[in-house]
Amino acid sequence: MQEGFSDKLVLIGFPYDYGARLAGQRQGADHGPDSFRRFLKMNNIGSMHNPEYDINIGENLKICDYGNI
């Protein structure tokens, strides 16, 4: 394991929509990482209970947000 990456789940955003702009498509993908973070902070993402294994995934899940690159 690399030093500095000891978290179980790491979020790294890549705000980019240059390809869509070049192709004349709908822009806005560059807002995706920040929108996803706002969604997670709402704490209304539903159950984190896995019925197959009868465990609560959220009890031991550690998420670290390393920001955007």
N, C-alpha and C. Protein backbone atom coordinates (compact mmCIF):
# COMPACT_ATOMS: atom_id res chain seq x y z
N MET A 1 0.85 -1.19 0.00
CA MET A 1 0.00 0.00 0.00
C MET A 1 0.89 1.24 0.00
N GLN A 2 0.52 2.21 -0.82
CA GLN A 2 1.28 3.44 -0.89
C GLN A 2 1.04 4.29 0.35
N GLU A 3 2.06 4.99 0.76
CA GLU A 3 1.92 5.90 1.89
C GLU A 3 0.95 7.02 1.53
N GLY A 4 0.05 7.34 2.45
CA GLY A 4 -0.93 8.39 2.21
C GLY A 4 -2.25 7.87 1.67
N PHE A 5 -2.33 6.61 1.32
CA PHE A 5 -3.56 6.02 0.82
C PHE A 5 -3.98 4.86 1.72
N SER A 6 -4.26 5.18 2.98
CA SER A 6 -4.60 4.13 3.93
C SER A 6 -6.10 4.02 4.18
N ASP A 7 -6.90 4.88 3.56
CA ASP A 7 -8.34 4.85 3.77
C ASP A 7 -8.96 3.71 2.97
N LYS A 8 -10.10 3.24 3.42
CA LYS A 8 -10.79 2.13 2.77
C LYS A 8 -11.38 2.55 1.42
N LEU A 9 -11.96 3.74 1.35
CA LEU A 9 -12.56 4.22 0.12
C LEU A 9 -12.14 5.67 -0.06
N VAL A 10 -11.50 5.96 -1.17
CA VAL A 10 -10.99 7.30 -1.44
C VAL A 10 -11.73 7.88 -2.64
N LEU A 11 -12.23 9.09 -2.50
CA LEU A 11 -12.88 9.81 -3.60
C LEU A 11 -11.90 10.84 -4.16
N ILE A 12 -11.71 10.79 -5.46
CA ILE A 12 -10.89 11.79 -6.15
C ILE A 12 -11.70 12.25 -7.36
N GLY A 13 -12.01 13.52 -7.42
CA GLY A 13 -12.83 14.05 -8.51
C GLY A 13 -11.99 14.50 -9.70
N PHE A 14 -12.58 14.39 -10.86
CA PHE A 14 -11.95 14.85 -12.10
C PHE A 14 -12.97 15.69 -12.87
N PRO A 15 -13.07 16.99 -12.53
CA PRO A 15 -14.05 17.86 -13.17
C PRO A 15 -13.62 18.22 -14.60
N TYR A 16 -14.24 17.58 -15.56
CA TYR A 16 -13.78 17.72 -16.95
C TYR A 16 -14.96 17.56 -17.91
N ASP A 17 -15.12 18.50 -18.80
CA ASP A 17 -16.11 18.32 -19.86
C ASP A 17 -15.62 18.91 -21.18
N TYR A 18 -14.33 19.02 -21.33
CA TYR A 18 -13.75 19.59 -22.53
C TYR A 18 -14.13 18.78 -23.78
N GLY A 19 -14.14 17.45 -23.64
CA GLY A 19 -14.51 16.60 -24.77
C GLY A 19 -15.93 16.87 -25.25
N ALA A 20 -16.84 17.07 -24.31
CA ALA A 20 -18.23 17.38 -24.67
C ALA A 20 -18.31 18.72 -25.38
N ARG A 21 -17.56 19.69 -24.90
CA ARG A 21 -17.56 21.01 -25.55
C ARG A 21 -17.04 20.92 -26.98
N LEU A 22 -15.95 20.17 -27.18
CA LEU A 22 -15.39 20.03 -28.53
C LEU A 22 -16.37 19.35 -29.48
N ALA A 23 -17.14 18.40 -28.97
CA ALA A 23 -18.08 17.67 -29.79
C ALA A 23 -19.41 18.39 -29.95
N GLY A 24 -19.56 19.56 -29.31
CA GLY A 24 -20.80 20.31 -29.40
C GLY A 24 -21.93 19.69 -28.59
N GLN A 25 -21.58 18.89 -27.61
CA GLN A 25 -22.57 18.22 -26.77
C GLN A 25 -22.88 19.05 -25.52
N ARG A 26 -23.82 18.55 -24.75
CA ARG A 26 -24.24 19.23 -23.52
C ARG A 26 -23.09 19.27 -22.53
N GLN A 27 -22.84 20.44 -21.98
CA GLN A 27 -21.76 20.63 -21.02
C GLN A 27 -22.31 20.49 -19.60
N GLY A 28 -21.41 20.30 -18.64
CA GLY A 28 -21.80 20.23 -17.25
C GLY A 28 -21.16 19.09 -16.50
N ALA A 29 -20.46 18.20 -17.19
CA ALA A 29 -19.82 17.08 -16.52
C ALA A 29 -18.77 17.55 -15.52
N ASP A 30 -18.25 18.75 -15.73
CA ASP A 30 -17.25 19.26 -14.80
C ASP A 30 -17.84 19.56 -13.43
N HIS A 31 -19.15 19.60 -13.30
CA HIS A 31 -19.80 19.80 -12.01
C HIS A 31 -20.08 18.47 -11.30
N GLY A 32 -19.82 17.36 -11.97
CA GLY A 32 -20.13 16.03 -11.44
C GLY A 32 -19.51 15.71 -10.09
N PRO A 33 -18.20 15.87 -9.92
CA PRO A 33 -17.60 15.52 -8.62
C PRO A 33 -18.20 16.29 -7.44
N ASP A 34 -18.39 17.59 -7.60
CA ASP A 34 -18.95 18.38 -6.51
C ASP A 34 -20.42 18.03 -6.26
N SER A 35 -21.17 17.73 -7.32
CA SER A 35 -22.56 17.31 -7.16
C SER A 35 -22.64 15.99 -6.41
N PHE A 36 -21.73 15.07 -6.72
CA PHE A 36 -21.71 13.79 -6.02
C PHE A 36 -21.40 13.98 -4.54
N ARG A 37 -20.49 14.88 -4.22
CA ARG A 37 -20.17 15.15 -2.81
C ARG A 37 -21.38 15.74 -2.08
N ARG A 38 -22.11 16.65 -2.72
CA ARG A 38 -23.32 17.21 -2.09
C ARG A 38 -24.35 16.11 -1.86
N PHE A 39 -24.48 15.19 -2.79
CA PHE A 39 -25.40 14.08 -2.65
C PHE A 39 -25.03 13.22 -1.44
N LEU A 40 -23.76 12.92 -1.28
CA LEU A 40 -23.32 12.11 -0.15
C LEU A 40 -23.55 12.81 1.19
N LYS A 41 -23.36 14.13 1.22
CA LYS A 41 -23.53 14.88 2.47
C LYS A 41 -24.99 14.96 2.90
N MET A 42 -25.92 14.71 1.99
CA MET A 42 -27.34 14.76 2.34
C MET A 42 -27.71 13.65 3.31
N ASN A 43 -26.88 12.61 3.40
CA ASN A 43 -27.12 11.46 4.28
C ASN A 43 -28.48 10.82 4.05
N ASN A 44 -28.96 10.92 2.86
CA ASN A 44 -30.25 10.33 2.52
C ASN A 44 -30.06 9.38 1.34
N ILE A 45 -29.05 8.54 1.43
CA ILE A 45 -28.72 7.67 0.31
C ILE A 45 -29.30 6.28 0.45
N GLY A 46 -30.16 6.10 1.43
CA GLY A 46 -30.81 4.80 1.59
C GLY A 46 -30.06 3.89 2.54
N SER A 47 -30.50 2.67 2.59
CA SER A 47 -29.95 1.69 3.51
C SER A 47 -28.57 1.23 3.06
N MET A 48 -27.70 1.02 4.00
CA MET A 48 -26.41 0.44 3.70
C MET A 48 -26.34 -0.98 4.28
N HIS A 49 -27.50 -1.57 4.47
CA HIS A 49 -27.57 -2.93 5.00
C HIS A 49 -27.54 -3.92 3.83
N ASN A 50 -26.64 -4.88 3.92
CA ASN A 50 -26.53 -5.92 2.91
C ASN A 50 -27.28 -7.14 3.42
N PRO A 51 -28.49 -7.41 2.88
CA PRO A 51 -29.29 -8.52 3.40
C PRO A 51 -28.69 -9.89 3.10
N GLU A 52 -27.91 -10.00 2.05
CA GLU A 52 -27.33 -11.30 1.70
C GLU A 52 -26.37 -11.79 2.79
N TYR A 53 -25.56 -10.88 3.30
CA TYR A 53 -24.59 -11.25 4.34
C TYR A 53 -25.02 -10.76 5.73
N ASP A 54 -26.17 -10.08 5.80
CA ASP A 54 -26.71 -9.54 7.04
C ASP A 54 -25.69 -8.67 7.78
N ILE A 55 -25.12 -7.71 7.05
CA ILE A 55 -24.17 -6.77 7.65
C ILE A 55 -24.56 -5.35 7.26
N ASN A 56 -24.18 -4.42 8.11
CA ASN A 56 -24.37 -3.01 7.82
C ASN A 56 -23.05 -2.48 7.28
N ILE A 57 -23.01 -2.18 5.99
CA ILE A 57 -21.78 -1.75 5.34
C ILE A 57 -21.29 -0.43 5.92
N GLY A 58 -22.19 0.44 6.32
CA GLY A 58 -21.82 1.75 6.81
C GLY A 58 -21.12 1.76 8.16
N GLU A 59 -21.22 0.69 8.93
CA GLU A 59 -20.58 0.66 10.25
C GLU A 59 -19.08 0.77 10.18
N ASN A 60 -18.46 0.10 9.24
CA ASN A 60 -17.01 0.06 9.16
C ASN A 60 -16.45 0.73 7.91
N LEU A 61 -17.31 1.38 7.15
CA LEU A 61 -16.85 2.02 5.92
C LEU A 61 -16.22 3.37 6.24
N LYS A 62 -15.01 3.55 5.81
CA LYS A 62 -14.30 4.81 6.01
C LYS A 62 -14.10 5.44 4.64
N ILE A 63 -14.66 6.63 4.45
CA ILE A 63 -14.55 7.34 3.18
C ILE A 63 -13.74 8.60 3.40
N CYS A 64 -12.76 8.81 2.52
CA CYS A 64 -11.94 10.02 2.58
C CYS A 64 -12.02 10.72 1.24
N ASP A 65 -12.27 12.00 1.25
CA ASP A 65 -12.37 12.79 0.03
C ASP A 65 -11.05 13.53 -0.17
N TYR A 66 -10.35 13.20 -1.23
CA TYR A 66 -9.06 13.84 -1.52
C TYR A 66 -9.21 15.02 -2.47
N GLY A 67 -10.45 15.44 -2.73
CA GLY A 67 -10.69 16.62 -3.55
C GLY A 67 -10.61 16.35 -5.04
N ASN A 68 -10.46 17.40 -5.80
CA ASN A 68 -10.40 17.31 -7.26
C ASN A 68 -8.96 17.44 -7.73
N ILE A 69 -8.70 16.80 -8.87
CA ILE A 69 -7.37 16.94 -9.46
C ILE A 69 -7.43 17.90 -10.62
